Amino acid sequence: MRGWTAQKITRVSVLVAAAIALSWVERMLPLDNLVPGVKLGLANVVVLAALDRFGTKEAVFVMLLRVMLSGILFATPSALIYSLCGGMFSLCAMIPAMHCKALSLIGVSVLGAVFHNIGQWIAMLAVMQTTGVVLYLPLLMVSGLLCGLVTGLIAVAVLRHLPEQLA
């Protein structure tokens, strides 16, 4: 945060608050009841907005604070680990993808969702220490593709209607 203006800190704080609110809303959606561990990833809309409008440092800050605060407020310690691993893998894929002219923001979102699921799967392997979770990976990949598409479409719509200086 060195060199950040009060205005930038305020904007990023609003993005963190929006991401936490979306995490809370998402907890009420029944997706997790259908397939354990599958979530739409609504908070990723905010991370995508931060990445698009501010850049890498701000997006990382939004993701880390959102994961930590949402984990404390809404989750178990193991869910916090899964979310943190997923978020880190997701950003590691999305940051370079943002510079790829061949990918739209929707493509970046899909890539981020798939890598989020890979990160969570790796965390699951480490926590559960069983090879049985290997069978869960194809389901996570398909859900990552679908959920990443939805969140990418939402992010594009939100950014289209959000003035450049407010994001």
C-alpha atoms as a PDB file:
ATOM      1  CA  MET A   1       0.000   0.000   0.000  1.00  0.00           C
ATOM      2  CA  ARG A   2       3.061   2.239  -0.047  1.00  0.00           C
ATOM      3  CA  GLY A   3       2.393   5.156  -2.326  1.00  0.00           C
ATOM      4  CA  TRP A   4      -1.357   4.648  -2.393  1.00  0.00           C
ATOM      5  CA  THR A   5      -3.515   7.738  -2.136  1.00  0.00           C
ATOM      6  CA  ALA A   6      -6.424   8.000   0.274  1.00  0.00           C
ATOM      7  CA  GLN A   7      -8.724   7.857  -2.743  1.00  0.00           C
ATOM      8  CA  LYS A   8      -7.200   4.559  -3.953  1.00  0.00           C
ATOM      9  CA  ILE A   9      -7.342   3.049  -0.454  1.00  0.00           C
ATOM     10  CA  THR A  10     -11.006   4.041  -0.230  1.00  0.00           C
ATOM     11  CA  ARG A  11     -11.829   2.542  -3.634  1.00  0.00           C
ATOM     12  CA  VAL A  12     -10.043  -0.709  -2.857  1.00  0.00           C
ATOM     13  CA  SER A  13     -11.763  -0.864   0.549  1.00  0.00           C
ATOM     14  CA  VAL A  14     -15.132  -0.505  -1.155  1.00  0.00           C
ATOM     15  CA  LEU A  15     -14.173  -3.359  -3.506  1.00  0.00           C
ATOM     16  CA  VAL A  16     -13.202  -5.546  -0.524  1.00  0.00           C
ATOM     17  CA  ALA A  17     -16.541  -4.759   1.146  1.00  0.00           C
ATOM     18  CA  ALA A  18     -18.416  -5.582  -2.076  1.00  0.00           C
ATOM     19  CA  ALA A  19     -16.530  -8.877  -2.421  1.00  0.00           C
ATOM     20  CA  ILE A  20     -17.356  -9.825   1.182  1.00  0.00           C
ATOM     21  CA  ALA A  21     -21.012  -8.951   0.617  1.00  0.00           C
ATOM     22  CA  LEU A  22     -21.085 -11.115  -2.518  1.00  0.00           C
ATOM     23  CA  SER A  23     -19.454 -13.962  -0.588  1.00  0.00           C
ATOM     24  CA  TRP A  24     -22.218 -13.684   1.977  1.00  0.00           C
ATOM     25  CA  VAL A  25     -24.926 -13.647  -0.707  1.00  0.00           C
ATOM     26  CA  GLU A  26     -23.330 -16.653  -2.373  1.00  0.00           C
ATOM     27  CA  ARG A  27     -23.500 -18.636   0.863  1.00  0.00           C
ATOM     28  CA  MET A  28     -27.291 -18.460   0.545  1.00  0.00           C
ATOM     29  CA  LEU A  29     -27.306 -19.975  -2.956  1.00  0.00           C
ATOM     30  CA  PRO A  30     -28.040 -23.716  -3.060  1.00  0.00           C
ATOM     31  CA  LEU A  31     -25.163 -24.651  -5.424  1.00  0.00           C
ATOM     32  CA  ASP A  32     -23.133 -26.153  -2.588  1.00  0.00           C
ATOM     33  CA  ASN A  33     -26.093 -28.400  -1.766  1.00  0.00           C
ATOM     34  CA  LEU A  34     -26.074 -29.819  -5.292  1.00  0.00           C
ATOM     35  CA  VAL A  35     -22.328 -30.426  -5.551  1.00  0.00           C
ATOM     36  CA  PRO A  36     -20.185 -30.076  -2.413  1.00  0.00           C
ATOM     37  CA  GLY A  37     -17.539 -27.386  -2.734  1.00  0.00           C
ATOM     38  CA  VAL A  38     -18.958 -25.830  -5.911  1.00  0.00           C
ATOM     39  CA  LYS A  39     -19.667 -22.126  -5.702  1.00  0.00           C
ATOM     40  CA  LEU A  40     -20.465 -19.602  -8.393  1.00  0.00           C
ATOM     41  CA  GLY A  41     -17.583 -17.304  -7.414  1.00  0.00           C
ATOM     42  CA  LEU A  42     -19.471 -14.014  -7.315  1.00  0.00           C
ATOM     43  CA  ALA A  43     -16.689 -12.331  -5.320  1.00  0.00           C
ATOM     44  CA  ASN A  44     -14.403 -12.989  -8.277  1.00  0.00           C
ATOM     45  CA  VAL A  45     -16.402 -10.367 -10.191  1.00  0.00           C
ATOM     46  CA  VAL A  46     -14.887  -7.805  -7.824  1.00  0.00           C
ATOM     47  CA  VAL A  47     -11.376  -9.255  -8.147  1.00  0.00           C
ATOM     48  CA  LEU A  48     -11.713  -9.090 -11.938  1.00  0.00           C
ATOM     49  CA  ALA A  49     -12.853  -5.457 -11.671  1.00  0.00           C
ATOM     50  CA  ALA A  50      -9.861  -4.630  -9.461  1.00  0.00           C
ATOM     51  CA  LEU A  51      -7.499  -6.383 -11.874  1.00  0.00           C
ATOM     52  CA  ASP A  52      -9.036  -4.610 -14.873  1.00  0.00           C
ATOM     53  CA  ARG A  53      -9.279  -1.109 -13.420  1.00  0.00           C
ATOM     54  CA  PHE A  54      -6.421  -0.938 -10.902  1.00  0.00           C
ATOM     55  CA  GLY A  55      -3.891  -3.652 -11.519  1.00  0.00           C
ATOM     56  CA  THR A  56      -2.112  -6.555  -9.907  1.00  0.00           C
ATOM     57  CA  LYS A  57      -1.321  -5.182  -6.434  1.00  0.00           C
ATOM     58  CA  GLU A  58      -4.857  -3.998  -5.855  1.00  0.00           C
ATOM     59  CA  ALA A  59      -6.413  -7.240  -7.099  1.00  0.00           C
ATOM     60  CA  VAL A  60      -4.132  -9.298  -4.855  1.00  0.00           C
ATOM     61  CA  PHE A  61      -5.019  -7.059  -1.908  1.00  0.00           C
ATOM     62  CA  VAL A  62      -8.765  -7.396  -2.619  1.00  0.00           C
ATOM     63  CA  MET A  63      -8.508 -11.189  -2.952  1.00  0.00           C
ATOM     64  CA  LEU A  64      -6.436 -11.679   0.201  1.00  0.00           C
ATOM     65  CA  LEU A  65      -8.558  -9.417   2.382  1.00  0.00           C
ATOM     66  CA  ARG A  66     -11.791 -10.880   1.037  1.00  0.00           C
ATOM     67  CA  VAL A  67     -10.639 -14.439   1.644  1.00  0.00           C
ATOM     68  CA  MET A  68      -9.367 -13.716   5.146  1.00  0.00           C
ATOM     69  CA  LEU A  69     -12.364 -11.682   6.282  1.00  0.00           C
ATOM     70  CA  SER A  70     -14.933 -13.981   4.656  1.00  0.00           C
ATOM     71  CA  GLY A  71     -13.119 -16.956   6.157  1.00  0.00           C
ATOM     72  CA  ILE A  72     -13.282 -15.442   9.620  1.00  0.00           C
ATOM     73  CA  LEU A  73     -16.916 -14.393   9.235  1.00  0.00           C
ATOM     74  CA  PHE A  74     -18.476 -17.267   7.311  1.00  0.00           C
ATOM     75  CA  ALA A  75     -16.206 -20.295   7.044  1.00  0.00           C
ATOM     76  CA  THR A  76     -14.354 -23.052   8.817  1.00  0.00           C
ATOM     77  CA  PRO A  77     -10.538 -23.132   9.012  1.00  0.00           C
ATOM     78  CA  SER A  78     -10.363 -25.789   6.284  1.00  0.00           C
ATOM     79  CA  ALA A  79     -12.639 -23.743   4.015  1.00  0.00           C
ATOM     80  CA  LEU A  80     -10.348 -20.759   4.589  1.00  0.00           C
ATOM     81  CA  ILE A  81      -7.355 -22.850   3.472  1.00  0.00           C
ATOM     82  CA  TYR A  82      -9.206 -24.047   0.349  1.00  0.00           C
ATOM     83  CA  SER A  83     -10.318 -20.523  -0.506  1.00  0.00           C
ATOM     84  CA  LEU A  84      -6.859 -19.037   0.001  1.00  0.00           C
ATOM     85  CA  CYS A  85      -5.192 -21.719  -2.150  1.00  0.00           C
ATOM     86  CA  GLY A  86      -7.855 -21.318  -4.810  1.00  0.00           C
ATOM     87  CA  GLY A  87      -7.585 -17.532  -4.796  1.00  0.00           C
ATOM     88  CA  MET A  88      -3.808 -17.615  -5.096  1.00  0.00           C
ATOM     89  CA  PHE A  89      -3.869 -20.115  -7.975  1.00  0.00           C
ATOM     90  CA  SER A  90      -6.620 -18.106  -9.644  1.00  0.00           C
ATOM     91  CA  LEU A  91      -4.680 -14.846  -9.499  1.00  0.00           C
ATOM     92  CA  CYS A  92      -1.493 -16.567 -10.686  1.00  0.00           C
ATOM     93  CA  ALA A  93      -3.416 -17.533 -13.826  1.00  0.00           C
ATOM     94  CA  MET A  94      -5.453 -14.344 -14.283  1.00  0.00           C
ATOM     95  CA  ILE A  95      -2.636 -11.800 -13.871  1.00  0.00           C
ATOM     96  CA  PRO A  96      -0.614 -12.886 -16.925  1.00  0.00           C
ATOM     97  CA  ALA A  97      -3.832 -13.697 -18.822  1.00  0.00           C
ATOM     98  CA  MET A  98      -4.948 -10.063 -18.501  1.00  0.00           C
ATOM     99  CA  HIS A  99      -2.013  -9.147 -20.765  1.00  0.00           C
ATOM    100  CA  CYS A 100      -2.939 -11.723 -23.397  1.00  0.00           C
ATOM    101  CA  LYS A 101      -4.696 -10.024 -26.290  1.00  0.00           C
ATOM    102  CA  ALA A 102      -6.335 -13.317 -27.325  1.00  0.00           C
ATOM    103  CA  LEU A 103      -8.347 -13.530 -24.083  1.00  0.00           C
ATOM    104  CA  SER A 104     -11.316 -11.383 -23.181  1.00  0.00           C
ATOM    105  CA  LEU A 105     -12.237 -10.666 -19.570  1.00  0.00           C
ATOM    106  CA  ILE A 106     -14.631 -13.618 -19.824  1.00  0.00           C
ATOM    107  CA  GLY A 107     -11.753 -15.875 -20.889  1.00  0.00           C
ATOM    108  CA  VAL A 108      -9.648 -14.562 -18.008  1.00  0.00           C
ATOM    109  CA  SER A 109     -12.548 -15.310 -15.646  1.00  0.00           C
ATOM    110  CA  VAL A 110     -12.909 -18.882 -16.933  1.00  0.00           C
ATOM    111  CA  LEU A 111      -9.165 -19.436 -16.607  1.00  0.00           C
ATOM    112  CA  GLY A 112      -9.255 -18.004 -13.079  1.00  0.00           C
ATOM    113  CA  ALA A 113     -12.174 -20.217 -12.066  1.00  0.00           C
ATOM    114  CA  VAL A 114     -10.507 -23.356 -13.390  1.00  0.00           C
ATOM    115  CA  PHE A 115      -7.243 -22.514 -11.627  1.00  0.00           C
ATOM    116  CA  HIS A 116      -9.173 -21.650  -8.459  1.00  0.00           C
ATOM    117  CA  ASN A 117     -10.587 -25.156  -8.494  1.00  0.00           C
ATOM    118  CA  ILE A 118      -7.157 -26.648  -9.154  1.00  0.00           C
ATOM    119  CA  GLY A 119      -5.796 -24.752  -6.150  1.00  0.00           C
ATOM    120  CA  GLN A 120      -8.651 -25.959  -3.973  1.00  0.00           C
ATOM    121  CA  TRP A 121      -8.162 -29.506  -5.219  1.00  0.00           C
ATOM    122  CA  ILE A 122      -4.459 -29.407  -4.335  1.00  0.00           C
ATOM    123  CA  ALA A 123      -5.363 -28.081  -0.875  1.00  0.00           C
ATOM    124  CA  MET A 124      -7.908 -30.883  -0.565  1.00  0.00           C
ATOM    125  CA  LEU A 125      -5.237 -33.445  -1.440  1.00  0.00           C
ATOM    126  CA  ALA A 126      -2.951 -32.000   1.235  1.00  0.00           C
ATOM    127  CA  VAL A 127      -5.630 -31.748   3.938  1.00  0.00           C
ATOM    128  CA  MET A 128      -7.370 -35.074   3.323  1.00  0.00           C
ATOM    129  CA  GLN A 129      -4.198 -36.970   2.354  1.00  0.00           C
ATOM    130  CA  THR A 130      -6.114 -39.415   0.220  1.00  0.00           C
ATOM    131  CA  THR A 131      -6.005 -40.162  -3.483  1.00  0.00           C
ATOM    132  CA  GLY A 132      -9.793 -40.539  -3.569  1.00  0.00           C
ATOM    133  CA  VAL A 133     -10.134 -36.812  -4.284  1.00  0.00           C
ATOM    134  CA  VAL A 134      -8.510 -37.365  -7.696  1.00  0.00           C
ATOM    135  CA  LEU A 135     -11.921 -38.453  -8.985  1.00  0.00           C
ATOM    136  CA  TYR A 136     -13.335 -35.062  -7.987  1.00  0.00           C
ATOM    137  CA  LEU A 137     -11.076 -33.084 -10.371  1.00  0.00           C
ATOM    138  CA  PRO A 138     -13.129 -33.539 -13.583  1.00  0.00           C
ATOM    139  CA  LEU A 139     -16.246 -32.254 -11.818  1.00  0.00           C
ATOM    140  CA  LEU A 140     -14.284 -29.263 -10.525  1.00  0.00           C
ATOM    141  CA  MET A 141     -12.987 -28.502 -14.033  1.00  0.00           C
ATOM    142  CA  VAL A 142     -16.469 -28.537 -15.557  1.00  0.00           C
ATOM    143  CA  SER A 143     -17.884 -26.410 -12.742  1.00  0.00           C
ATOM    144  CA  GLY A 144     -14.932 -24.009 -13.131  1.00  0.00           C
ATOM    145  CA  LEU A 145     -15.686 -23.577 -16.823  1.00  0.00           C
ATOM    146  CA  LEU A 146     -19.383 -22.934 -16.238  1.00  0.00           C
ATOM    147  CA  CYS A 147     -19.029 -20.732 -13.159  1.00  0.00           C
ATOM    148  CA  GLY A 148     -16.128 -18.797 -14.708  1.00  0.00           C
ATOM    149  CA  LEU A 149     -18.270 -18.087 -17.749  1.00  0.00           C
ATOM    150  CA  VAL A 150     -21.115 -16.770 -15.589  1.00  0.00           C
ATOM    151  CA  THR A 151     -18.891 -14.602 -13.392  1.00  0.00           C
ATOM    152  CA  GLY A 152     -17.034 -13.330 -16.446  1.00  0.00           C
ATOM    153  CA  LEU A 153     -20.297 -12.283 -18.091  1.00  0.00           C
ATOM    154  CA  ILE A 154     -21.354 -10.537 -14.878  1.00  0.00           C
ATOM    155  CA  ALA A 155     -17.972  -8.785 -14.589  1.00  0.00           C
ATOM    156  CA  VAL A 156     -18.185  -7.506 -18.175  1.00  0.00           C
ATOM    157  CA  ALA A 157     -21.719  -6.200 -17.550  1.00  0.00           C
ATOM    158  CA  VAL A 158     -20.730  -4.538 -14.279  1.00  0.00           C
ATOM    159  CA  LEU A 159     -17.621  -2.890 -15.741  1.00  0.00           C
ATOM    160  CA  ARG A 160     -19.580  -1.695 -18.761  1.00  0.00           C
ATOM    161  CA  HIS A 161     -21.965   0.198 -16.472  1.00  0.00           C
ATOM    162  CA  LEU A 162     -19.412   1.382 -13.929  1.00  0.00           C
ATOM    163  CA  PRO A 163     -17.687   4.700 -14.594  1.00  0.00           C
ATOM    164  CA  GLU A 164     -13.929   4.292 -15.033  1.00  0.00           C
ATOM    165  CA  GLN A 165     -13.116   6.377 -11.941  1.00  0.00           C
ATOM    166  CA  LEU A 166     -15.419   4.430  -9.614  1.00  0.00           C
ATOM    167  CA  ALA A 167     -14.102   0.932 -10.143  1.00  0.00           C
END
